[in-house]
Amino acid sequence: MGSDIGRIIIYQDFDNKSHNRQPDLYPFTGRKSKNLMVNSKIAYSGSVIYPNELVYTSNYLRTLDKYGRIVREVAIGQRLNRSWPFELHTDGIGVFIHEYAVN
């Protein structure tokens, strides 16, 4: 008997020229990348409800300070399948402001 739940596949693209100098805020999620993520895509496969296709995509824009640290990060997300129920960022846009205690 097969399952109709399916599985989620996450693809992430990184900029190999931009180093990730952000502190690891979520160490329990695994090792963070040494490079900055440029975009991510979520695909769903093996389900009766969702065919094998991309269902969500996110692109990231960042502003850096003179030390190369992220000051402002904008994530722009878009549902590619209208029936996909989840959005990673409310109304498709997430804005993150990063502050540092020491310069």
PDB file of N, CA and C in Angstrom:
ATOM      1  N   MET A   1       0.839  -1.187   0.000  1.00  0.00           N
ATOM      2  CA  MET A   1       0.000   0.000   0.000  1.00  0.00           C
ATOM      3  C   MET A   1       0.877   1.242   0.000  1.00  0.00           C
ATOM      4  N   GLY A   2       0.626   2.107  -0.912  1.00  0.00           N
ATOM      5  CA  GLY A   2       1.392   3.346  -0.994  1.00  0.00           C
ATOM      6  C   GLY A   2       0.744   4.453  -0.185  1.00  0.00           C
ATOM      7  N   SER A   3       1.520   5.449   0.107  1.00  0.00           N
ATOM      8  CA  SER A   3       1.014   6.589   0.859  1.00  0.00           C
ATOM      9  C   SER A   3       0.689   7.724  -0.104  1.00  0.00           C
ATOM     10  N   ASP A   4      -0.412   8.416   0.143  1.00  0.00           N
ATOM     11  CA  ASP A   4      -0.764   9.549  -0.702  1.00  0.00           C
ATOM     12  C   ASP A   4      -0.279  10.858  -0.099  1.00  0.00           C
ATOM     13  N   ILE A   5       0.516  10.777   0.969  1.00  0.00           N
ATOM     14  CA  ILE A   5       1.009  11.982   1.618  1.00  0.00           C
ATOM     15  C   ILE A   5       2.098  12.639   0.781  1.00  0.00           C
ATOM     16  N   GLY A   6       3.017  11.857   0.242  1.00  0.00           N
ATOM     17  CA  GLY A   6       4.078  12.401  -0.585  1.00  0.00           C
ATOM     18  C   GLY A   6       5.233  12.908   0.247  1.00  0.00           C
ATOM     19  N   ARG A   7       6.132  13.647  -0.392  1.00  0.00           N
ATOM     20  CA  ARG A   7       7.280  14.197   0.313  1.00  0.00           C
ATOM     21  C   ARG A   7       7.621  15.578  -0.217  1.00  0.00           C
ATOM     22  N   ILE A   8       8.249  16.360   0.644  1.00  0.00           N
ATOM     23  CA  ILE A   8       8.671  17.712   0.307  1.00  0.00           C
ATOM     24  C   ILE A   8      10.165  17.688   0.031  1.00  0.00           C
ATOM     25  N   ILE A   9      10.570  18.312  -1.067  1.00  0.00           N
ATOM     26  CA  ILE A   9      11.979  18.416  -1.427  1.00  0.00           C
ATOM     27  C   ILE A   9      12.328  19.898  -1.470  1.00  0.00           C
ATOM     28  N   ILE A  10      13.407  20.286  -0.771  1.00  0.00           N
ATOM     29  CA  ILE A  10      13.819  21.683  -0.724  1.00  0.00           C
ATOM     30  C   ILE A  10      15.143  21.820  -1.467  1.00  0.00           C
ATOM     31  N   TYR A  11      15.153  22.699  -2.472  1.00  0.00           N
ATOM     32  CA  TYR A  11      16.363  23.012  -3.232  1.00  0.00           C
ATOM     33  C   TYR A  11      16.842  24.390  -2.796  1.00  0.00           C
ATOM     34  N   GLN A  12      18.139  24.530  -2.532  1.00  0.00           N
ATOM     35  CA  GLN A  12      18.688  25.817  -2.129  1.00  0.00           C
ATOM     36  C   GLN A  12      19.900  26.148  -2.994  1.00  0.00           C
ATOM     37  N   ASP A  13      19.942  27.384  -3.505  1.00  0.00           N
ATOM     38  CA  ASP A  13      21.075  27.858  -4.297  1.00  0.00           C
ATOM     39  C   ASP A  13      21.870  28.850  -3.463  1.00  0.00           C
ATOM     40  N   PHE A  14      23.194  28.725  -3.513  1.00  0.00           N
ATOM     41  CA  PHE A  14      24.071  29.572  -2.719  1.00  0.00           C
ATOM     42  C   PHE A  14      25.016  30.359  -3.614  1.00  0.00           C
ATOM     43  N   ASP A  15      25.390  31.552  -3.153  1.00  0.00           N
ATOM     44  CA  ASP A  15      26.375  32.378  -3.841  1.00  0.00           C
ATOM     45  C   ASP A  15      27.744  32.019  -3.266  1.00  0.00           C
ATOM     46  N   ASN A  16      28.573  31.351  -4.052  1.00  0.00           N
ATOM     47  CA  ASN A  16      29.867  30.893  -3.569  1.00  0.00           C
ATOM     48  C   ASN A  16      30.870  32.016  -3.354  1.00  0.00           C
ATOM     49  N   LYS A  17      30.549  33.228  -3.801  1.00  0.00           N
ATOM     50  CA  LYS A  17      31.454  34.358  -3.625  1.00  0.00           C
ATOM     51  C   LYS A  17      31.124  35.181  -2.387  1.00  0.00           C
ATOM     52  N   SER A  18      29.945  34.963  -1.798  1.00  0.00           N
ATOM     53  CA  SER A  18      29.531  35.707  -0.611  1.00  0.00           C
ATOM     54  C   SER A  18      29.601  34.798   0.611  1.00  0.00           C
ATOM     55  N   HIS A  19      30.426  35.186   1.567  1.00  0.00           N
ATOM     56  CA  HIS A  19      30.581  34.381   2.770  1.00  0.00           C
ATOM     57  C   HIS A  19      29.501  34.712   3.790  1.00  0.00           C
ATOM     58  N   ASN A  20      29.010  33.691   4.449  1.00  0.00           N
ATOM     59  CA  ASN A  20      27.967  33.849   5.452  1.00  0.00           C
ATOM     60  C   ASN A  20      28.622  34.148   6.791  1.00  0.00           C
ATOM     61  N   ARG A  21      28.567  35.411   7.210  1.00  0.00           N
ATOM     62  CA  ARG A  21      29.180  35.814   8.475  1.00  0.00           C
ATOM     63  C   ARG A  21      28.149  35.925   9.587  1.00  0.00           C
ATOM     64  N   GLN A  22      26.963  35.420   9.356  1.00  0.00           N
ATOM     65  CA  GLN A  22      25.907  35.492  10.356  1.00  0.00           C
ATOM     66  C   GLN A  22      26.164  34.500  11.483  1.00  0.00           C
ATOM     67  N   PRO A  23      25.817  34.880  12.724  1.00  0.00           N
ATOM     68  CA  PRO A  23      25.921  33.906  13.811  1.00  0.00           C
ATOM     69  C   PRO A  23      24.890  32.800  13.622  1.00  0.00           C
ATOM     70  N   ASP A  24      25.185  31.644  14.138  1.00  0.00           N
ATOM     71  CA  ASP A  24      24.278  30.502  14.013  1.00  0.00           C
ATOM     72  C   ASP A  24      23.209  30.591  15.101  1.00  0.00           C
ATOM     73  N   LEU A  25      22.033  31.129  14.744  1.00  0.00           N
ATOM     74  CA  LEU A  25      20.964  31.323  15.716  1.00  0.00           C
ATOM     75  C   LEU A  25      20.196  30.043  16.015  1.00  0.00           C
ATOM     76  N   TYR A  26      20.261  29.086  15.121  1.00  0.00           N
ATOM     77  CA  TYR A  26      19.517  27.835  15.286  1.00  0.00           C
ATOM     78  C   TYR A  26      20.467  26.648  15.138  1.00  0.00           C
ATOM     79  N   PRO A  27      21.341  26.409  16.117  1.00  0.00           N
ATOM     80  CA  PRO A  27      22.325  25.340  15.974  1.00  0.00           C
ATOM     81  C   PRO A  27      21.710  23.938  15.945  1.00  0.00           C
ATOM     82  N   PHE A  28      20.481  23.799  16.425  1.00  0.00           N
ATOM     83  CA  PHE A  28      19.833  22.484  16.461  1.00  0.00           C
ATOM     84  C   PHE A  28      19.306  22.050  15.100  1.00  0.00           C
ATOM     85  N   THR A  29      19.317  22.948  14.098  1.00  0.00           N
ATOM     86  CA  THR A  29      18.808  22.579  12.774  1.00  0.00           C
ATOM     87  C   THR A  29      19.893  22.007  11.876  1.00  0.00           C
ATOM     88  N   GLY A  30      21.110  21.927  12.380  1.00  0.00           N
ATOM     89  CA  GLY A  30      22.195  21.381  11.567  1.00  0.00           C
ATOM     90  C   GLY A  30      23.233  22.434  11.259  1.00  0.00           C
ATOM     91  N   ARG A  31      24.244  22.034  10.561  1.00  0.00           N
ATOM     92  CA  ARG A  31      25.356  22.919  10.229  1.00  0.00           C
ATOM     93  C   ARG A  31      24.930  23.939   9.179  1.00  0.00           C
ATOM     94  N   LYS A  32      25.230  25.206   9.428  1.00  0.00           N
ATOM     95  CA  LYS A  32      24.846  26.243   8.469  1.00  0.00           C
ATOM     96  C   LYS A  32      25.873  26.325   7.349  1.00  0.00           C
ATOM     97  N   SER A  33      25.446  26.869   6.234  1.00  0.00           N
ATOM     98  CA  SER A  33      26.316  26.987   5.071  1.00  0.00           C
ATOM     99  C   SER A  33      27.349  28.089   5.280  1.00  0.00           C
ATOM    100  N   LYS A  34      28.502  27.935   4.649  1.00  0.00           N
ATOM    101  CA  LYS A  34      29.533  28.969   4.689  1.00  0.00           C
ATOM    102  C   LYS A  34      29.240  30.081   3.691  1.00  0.00           C
ATOM    103  N   ASN A  35      28.268  29.861   2.812  1.00  0.00           N
ATOM    104  CA  ASN A  35      27.909  30.844   1.784  1.00  0.00           C
ATOM    105  C   ASN A  35      26.468  31.303   1.978  1.00  0.00           C
ATOM    106  N   LEU A  36      26.151  32.481   1.435  1.00  0.00           N
ATOM    107  CA  LEU A  36      24.801  33.033   1.565  1.00  0.00           C
ATOM    108  C   LEU A  36      23.840  32.379   0.579  1.00  0.00           C
ATOM    109  N   MET A  37      22.645  32.081   1.057  1.00  0.00           N
ATOM    110  CA  MET A  37      21.621  31.506   0.195  1.00  0.00           C
ATOM    111  C   MET A  37      21.025  32.602  -0.681  1.00  0.00           C
ATOM    112  N   VAL A  38      20.891  32.321  -1.968  1.00  0.00           N
ATOM    113  CA  VAL A  38      20.340  33.272  -2.922  1.00  0.00           C
ATOM    114  C   VAL A  38      18.852  33.016  -3.117  1.00  0.00           C
ATOM    115  N   ASN A  39      18.483  31.765  -3.284  1.00  0.00           N
ATOM    116  CA  ASN A  39      17.070  31.417  -3.412  1.00  0.00           C
ATOM    117  C   ASN A  39      16.840  29.984  -2.964  1.00  0.00           C
ATOM    118  N   SER A  40      15.591  29.679  -2.700  1.00  0.00           N
ATOM    119  CA  SER A  40      15.210  28.313  -2.339  1.00  0.00           C
ATOM    120  C   SER A  40      13.909  27.971  -3.048  1.00  0.00           C
ATOM    121  N   LYS A  41      13.761  26.709  -3.347  1.00  0.00           N
ATOM    122  CA  LYS A  41      12.560  26.221  -4.024  1.00  0.00           C
ATOM    123  C   LYS A  41      12.047  25.002  -3.271  1.00  0.00           C
ATOM    124  N   ILE A  42      10.739  24.907  -3.162  1.00  0.00           N
ATOM    125  CA  ILE A  42      10.113  23.759  -2.521  1.00  0.00           C
ATOM    126  C   ILE A  42       9.339  22.996  -3.581  1.00  0.00           C
ATOM    127  N   ALA A  43       9.629  21.711  -3.676  1.00  0.00           N
ATOM    128  CA  ALA A  43       8.918  20.842  -4.614  1.00  0.00           C
ATOM    129  C   ALA A  43       8.187  19.769  -3.809  1.00  0.00           C
ATOM    130  N   TYR A  44       7.114  19.291  -4.369  1.00  0.00           N
ATOM    131  CA  TYR A  44       6.330  18.240  -3.731  1.00  0.00           C
ATOM    132  C   TYR A  44       6.255  17.082  -4.709  1.00  0.00           C
ATOM    133  N   SER A  45       6.434  15.877  -4.209  1.00  0.00           N
ATOM    134  CA  SER A  45       6.376  14.728  -5.109  1.00  0.00           C
ATOM    135  C   SER A  45       5.708  13.547  -4.432  1.00  0.00           C
ATOM    136  N   GLY A  46       5.159  12.682  -5.247  1.00  0.00           N
ATOM    137  CA  GLY A  46       4.582  11.433  -4.767  1.00  0.00           C
ATOM    138  C   GLY A  46       3.229  11.544  -4.108  1.00  0.00           C
ATOM    139  N   SER A  47       2.456  12.547  -4.457  1.00  0.00           N
ATOM    140  CA  SER A  47       1.149  12.725  -3.848  1.00  0.00           C
ATOM    141  C   SER A  47       0.057  12.686  -4.912  1.00  0.00           C
ATOM    142  N   VAL A  48      -1.112  12.242  -4.500  1.00  0.00           N
ATOM    143  CA  VAL A  48      -2.262  12.259  -5.395  1.00  0.00           C
ATOM    144  C   VAL A  48      -2.773  13.689  -5.553  1.00  0.00           C
ATOM    145  N   ILE A  49      -2.684  14.468  -4.484  1.00  0.00           N
ATOM    146  CA  ILE A  49      -3.207  15.831  -4.487  1.00  0.00           C
ATOM    147  C   ILE A  49      -2.303  16.776  -5.281  1.00  0.00           C
ATOM    148  N   TYR A  50      -0.975  16.701  -5.038  1.00  0.00           N
ATOM    149  CA  TYR A  50      -0.016  17.575  -5.717  1.00  0.00           C
ATOM    150  C   TYR A  50       0.831  16.729  -6.662  1.00  0.00           C
ATOM    151  N   PRO A  51       0.809  17.025  -7.936  1.00  0.00           N
ATOM    152  CA  PRO A  51       1.697  16.300  -8.846  1.00  0.00           C
ATOM    153  C   PRO A  51       3.154  16.681  -8.574  1.00  0.00           C
ATOM    154  N   ASN A  52       4.073  16.005  -9.199  1.00  0.00           N
ATOM    155  CA  ASN A  52       5.495  16.294  -9.020  1.00  0.00           C
ATOM    156  C   ASN A  52       5.823  17.640  -9.652  1.00  0.00           C
ATOM    157  N   GLU A  53       5.918  18.656  -8.805  1.00  0.00           N
ATOM    158  CA  GLU A  53       6.158  19.999  -9.328  1.00  0.00           C
ATOM    159  C   GLU A  53       6.670  20.919  -8.234  1.00  0.00           C
ATOM    160  N   LEU A  54       7.225  22.071  -8.658  1.00  0.00           N
ATOM    161  CA  LEU A  54       7.597  23.120  -7.716  1.00  0.00           C
ATOM    162  C   LEU A  54       6.332  23.790  -7.208  1.00  0.00           C
ATOM    163  N   VAL A  55       6.275  24.031  -5.905  1.00  0.00           N
ATOM    164  CA  VAL A  55       5.075  24.652  -5.340  1.00  0.00           C
ATOM    165  C   VAL A  55       5.358  26.010  -4.711  1.00  0.00           C
ATOM    166  N   TYR A  56       6.632  26.303  -4.379  1.00  0.00           N
ATOM    167  CA  TYR A  56       6.943  27.574  -3.719  1.00  0.00           C
ATOM    168  C   TYR A  56       8.384  27.954  -4.023  1.00  0.00           C
ATOM    169  N   THR A  57       8.641  29.232  -4.175  1.00  0.00           N
ATOM    170  CA  THR A  57      10.001  29.712  -4.397  1.00  0.00           C
ATOM    171  C   THR A  57      10.237  30.974  -3.567  1.00  0.00           C
ATOM    172  N   SER A  58      11.475  31.154  -3.090  1.00  0.00           N
ATOM    173  CA  SER A  58      11.863  32.338  -2.319  1.00  0.00           C
ATOM    174  C   SER A  58      13.170  32.881  -2.868  1.00  0.00           C
ATOM    175  N   ASN A  59      13.252  34.196  -3.024  1.00  0.00           N
ATOM    176  CA  ASN A  59      14.482  34.875  -3.419  1.00  0.00           C
ATOM    177  C   ASN A  59      14.882  35.819  -2.299  1.00  0.00           C
ATOM    178  N   TYR A  60      16.178  35.986  -2.093  1.00  0.00           N
ATOM    179  CA  TYR A  60      16.687  36.787  -0.984  1.00  0.00           C
ATOM    180  C   TYR A  60      17.549  37.937  -1.492  1.00  0.00           C
ATOM    181  N   LEU A  61      17.298  39.137  -0.952  1.00  0.00           N
ATOM    182  CA  LEU A  61      18.089  40.330  -1.240  1.00  0.00           C
ATOM    183  C   LEU A  61      18.662  40.823   0.084  1.00  0.00           C
ATOM    184  N   ARG A  62      19.933  41.222   0.086  1.00  0.00           N
ATOM    185  CA  ARG A  62      20.574  41.612   1.330  1.00  0.00           C
ATOM    186  C   ARG A  62      21.351  42.915   1.181  1.00  0.00           C
ATOM    187  N   THR A  63      21.419  43.663   2.290  1.00  0.00           N
ATOM    188  CA  THR A  63      22.267  44.836   2.398  1.00  0.00           C
ATOM    189  C   THR A  63      23.326  44.533   3.443  1.00  0.00           C
ATOM    190  N   LEU A  64      24.595  44.787   3.109  1.00  0.00           N
ATOM    191  CA  LEU A  64      25.698  44.472   4.009  1.00  0.00           C
ATOM    192  C   LEU A  64      26.307  45.741   4.584  1.00  0.00           C
ATOM    193  N   ASP A  65      26.906  45.639   5.781  1.00  0.00           N
ATOM    194  CA  ASP A  65      27.633  46.768   6.354  1.00  0.00           C
ATOM    195  C   ASP A  65      29.093  46.711   5.909  1.00  0.00           C
ATOM    196  N   LYS A  66      29.914  47.630   6.409  1.00  0.00           N
ATOM    197  CA  LYS A  66      31.306  47.699   5.970  1.00  0.00           C
ATOM    198  C   LYS A  66      32.139  46.502   6.414  1.00  0.00           C
ATOM    199  N   TYR A  67      31.620  45.713   7.361  1.00  0.00           N
ATOM    200  CA  TYR A  67      32.318  44.505   7.811  1.00  0.00           C
ATOM    201  C   TYR A  67      31.862  43.254   7.057  1.00  0.00           C
ATOM    202  N   GLY A  68      30.920  43.412   6.138  1.00  0.00           N
ATOM    203  CA  GLY A  68      30.410  42.284   5.367  1.00  0.00           C
ATOM    204  C   GLY A  68      29.303  41.508   6.050  1.00  0.00           C
ATOM    205  N   ARG A  69      28.747  42.079   7.118  1.00  0.00           N
ATOM    206  CA  ARG A  69      27.641  41.421   7.826  1.00  0.00           C
ATOM    207  C   ARG A  69      26.311  41.907   7.269  1.00  0.00           C
ATOM    208  N   ILE A  70      25.314  41.061   7.344  1.00  0.00           N
ATOM    209  CA  ILE A  70      23.986  41.413   6.837  1.00  0.00           C
ATOM    210  C   ILE A  70      23.326  42.402   7.794  1.00  0.00           C
ATOM    211  N   VAL A  71      22.850  43.515   7.248  1.00  0.00           N
ATOM    212  CA  VAL A  71      22.128  44.513   8.032  1.00  0.00           C
ATOM    213  C   VAL A  71      20.632  44.371   7.785  1.00  0.00           C
ATOM    214  N   ARG A  72      20.268  44.187   6.527  1.00  0.00           N
ATOM    215  CA  ARG A  72      18.857  44.042   6.162  1.00  0.00           C
ATOM    216  C   ARG A  72      18.729  42.915   5.150  1.00  0.00           C
ATOM    217  N   GLU A  73      17.719  42.099   5.356  1.00  0.00           N
ATOM    218  CA  GLU A  73      17.488  40.963   4.469  1.00  0.00           C
ATOM    219  C   GLU A  73      16.009  40.952   4.073  1.00  0.00           C
ATOM    220  N   VAL A  74      15.773  40.872   2.778  1.00  0.00           N
ATOM    221  CA  VAL A  74      14.408  40.835   2.268  1.00  0.00           C
ATOM    222  C   VAL A  74      14.208  39.505   1.556  1.00  0.00           C
ATOM    223  N   ALA A  75      13.194  38.772   1.969  1.00  0.00           N
ATOM    224  CA  ALA A  75      12.853  37.498   1.337  1.00  0.00           C
ATOM    225  C   ALA A  75      11.542  37.687   0.582  1.00  0.00           C
ATOM    226  N   ILE A  76      11.555  37.330  -0.687  1.00  0.00           N
ATOM    227  CA  ILE A  76      10.369  37.465  -1.530  1.00  0.00           C
ATOM    228  C   ILE A  76       9.928  36.065  -1.929  1.00  0.00           C
ATOM    229  N   GLY A  77       8.777  35.656  -1.442  1.00  0.00           N
ATOM    230  CA  GLY A  77       8.274  34.313  -1.714  1.00  0.00           C
ATOM    231  C   GLY A  77       7.063  34.335  -2.619  1.00  0.00           C
ATOM    232  N   GLN A  78       6.882  33.240  -3.351  1.00  0.00           N
ATOM    233  CA  GLN A  78       5.749  33.152  -4.262  1.00  0.00           C
ATOM    234  C   GLN A  78       5.267  31.709  -4.342  1.00  0.00           C
ATOM    235  N   ARG A  79       3.953  31.534  -4.170  1.00  0.00           N
ATOM    236  CA  ARG A  79       3.359  30.215  -4.369  1.00  0.00           C
ATOM    237  C   ARG A  79       3.209  29.979  -5.864  1.00  0.00           C
ATOM    238  N   LEU A  80       3.751  28.869  -6.342  1.00  0.00           N
ATOM    239  CA  LEU A  80       3.657  28.535  -7.756  1.00  0.00           C
ATOM    240  C   LEU A  80       2.434  27.680  -8.048  1.00  0.00           C
ATOM    241  N   ASN A  81       1.895  27.063  -7.026  1.00  0.00           N
ATOM    242  CA  ASN A  81       0.682  26.265  -7.141  1.00  0.00           C
ATOM    243  C   ASN A  81      -0.343  26.878  -6.194  1.00  0.00           C
ATOM    244  N   ARG A  82      -1.449  27.346  -6.726  1.00  0.00           N
ATOM    245  CA  ARG A  82      -2.458  28.055  -5.918  1.00  0.00           C
ATOM    246  C   ARG A  82      -3.033  27.196  -4.791  1.00  0.00           C
ATOM    247  N   SER A  83      -3.020  25.891  -4.946  1.00  0.00           N
ATOM    248  CA  SER A  83      -3.595  25.035  -3.907  1.00  0.00           C
ATOM    249  C   SER A  83      -2.598  24.713  -2.798  1.00  0.00           C
ATOM    250  N   TRP A  84      -1.341  25.146  -2.946  1.00  0.00           N
ATOM    251  CA  TRP A  84      -0.353  24.924  -1.887  1.00  0.00           C
ATOM    252  C   TRP A  84      -0.718  25.804  -0.691  1.00  0.00           C
ATOM    253  N   PRO A  85      -0.945  25.219   0.506  1.00  0.00           N
ATOM    254  CA  PRO A  85      -1.524  25.985   1.617  1.00  0.00           C
ATOM    255  C   PRO A  85      -0.532  26.814   2.440  1.00  0.00           C
ATOM    256  N   PHE A  86       0.763  26.639   2.244  1.00  0.00           N
ATOM    257  CA  PHE A  86       1.730  27.282   3.129  1.00  0.00           C
ATOM    258  C   PHE A  86       2.490  28.402   2.437  1.00  0.00           C
ATOM    259  N   GLU A  87       2.700  29.493   3.180  1.00  0.00           N
ATOM    260  CA  GLU A  87       3.568  30.576   2.730  1.00  0.00           C
ATOM    261  C   GLU A  87       4.625  30.768   3.801  1.00  0.00           C
ATOM    262  N   LEU A  88       5.887  30.799   3.415  1.00  0.00           N
ATOM    263  CA  LEU A  88       6.956  30.975   4.388  1.00  0.00           C
ATOM    264  C   LEU A  88       7.022  32.403   4.899  1.00  0.00           C
ATOM    265  N   HIS A  89       6.562  33.347   4.096  1.00  0.00           N
ATOM    266  CA  HIS A  89       6.600  34.759   4.464  1.00  0.00           C
ATOM    267  C   HIS A  89       5.201  35.334   4.261  1.00  0.00           C
ATOM    268  N   THR A  90       4.690  36.023   5.271  1.00  0.00           N
ATOM    269  CA  THR A  90       3.354  36.586   5.206  1.00  0.00           C
ATOM    270  C   THR A  90       3.217  37.516   4.010  1.00  0.00           C
ATOM    271  N   ASP A  91       2.207  37.325   3.230  1.00  0.00           N
ATOM    272  CA  ASP A  91       1.939  38.112   2.017  1.00  0.00           C
ATOM    273  C   ASP A  91       3.092  38.054   1.019  1.00  0.00           C
ATOM    274  N   GLY A  92       3.934  37.034   1.128  1.00  0.00           N
ATOM    275  CA  GLY A  92       4.996  36.840   0.159  1.00  0.00           C
ATOM    276  C   GLY A  92       6.268  37.625   0.398  1.00  0.00           C
ATOM    277  N   ILE A  93       6.308  38.486   1.439  1.00  0.00           N
ATOM    278  CA  ILE A  93       7.504  39.288   1.700  1.00  0.00           C
ATOM    279  C   ILE A  93       7.873  39.198   3.172  1.00  0.00           C
ATOM    280  N   GLY A  94       9.144  38.927   3.432  1.00  0.00           N
ATOM    281  CA  GLY A  94       9.665  38.927   4.797  1.00  0.00           C
ATOM    282  C   GLY A  94      10.848  39.870   4.873  1.00  0.00           C
ATOM    283  N   VAL A  95      10.835  40.766   5.856  1.00  0.00           N
ATOM    284  CA  VAL A  95      11.935  41.721   6.032  1.00  0.00           C
ATOM    285  C   VAL A  95      12.568  41.447   7.396  1.00  0.00           C
ATOM    286  N   PHE A  96      13.882  41.262   7.386  1.00  0.00           N
ATOM    287  CA  PHE A  96      14.605  40.947   8.607  1.00  0.00           C
ATOM    288  C   PHE A  96      15.692  41.993   8.806  1.00  0.00           C
ATOM    289  N   ILE A  97      15.702  42.617   9.981  1.00  0.00           N
ATOM    290  CA  ILE A  97      16.714  43.607  10.337  1.00  0.00           C
ATOM    291  C   ILE A  97      17.664  42.949  11.329  1.00  0.00           C
ATOM    292  N   HIS A  98      18.966  43.001  11.038  1.00  0.00           N
ATOM    293  CA  HIS A  98      19.970  42.389  11.909  1.00  0.00           C
ATOM    294  C   HIS A  98      20.735  43.492  12.626  1.00  0.00           C
ATOM    295  N   GLU A  99      20.866  43.349  13.942  1.00  0.00           N
ATOM    296  CA  GLU A  99      21.624  44.311  14.754  1.00  0.00           C
ATOM    297  C   GLU A  99      22.748  43.557  15.457  1.00  0.00           C
ATOM    298  N   TYR A 100      23.852  44.230  15.654  1.00  0.00           N
ATOM    299  CA  TYR A 100      25.023  43.626  16.273  1.00  0.00           C
ATOM    300  C   TYR A 100      25.443  44.454  17.476  1.00  0.00           C
ATOM    301  N   ALA A 101      25.838  43.789  18.555  1.00  0.00           N
ATOM    302  CA  ALA A 101      26.215  44.485  19.773  1.00  0.00           C
ATOM    303  C   ALA A 101      27.597  45.115  19.657  1.00  0.00           C
ATOM    304  N   VAL A 102      28.495  44.497  18.895  1.00  0.00           N
ATOM    305  CA  VAL A 102      29.862  44.975  18.778  1.00  0.00           C
ATOM    306  C   VAL A 102      30.166  45.287  17.326  1.00  0.00           C
ATOM    307  N   ASN A 103      30.778  46.425  17.070  1.00  0.00           N
ATOM    308  CA  ASN A 103      31.186  46.777  15.704  1.00  0.00           C
ATOM    309  C   ASN A 103      32.598  46.377  15.436  1.00  0.00           C
TER     310      ASN A 103
END
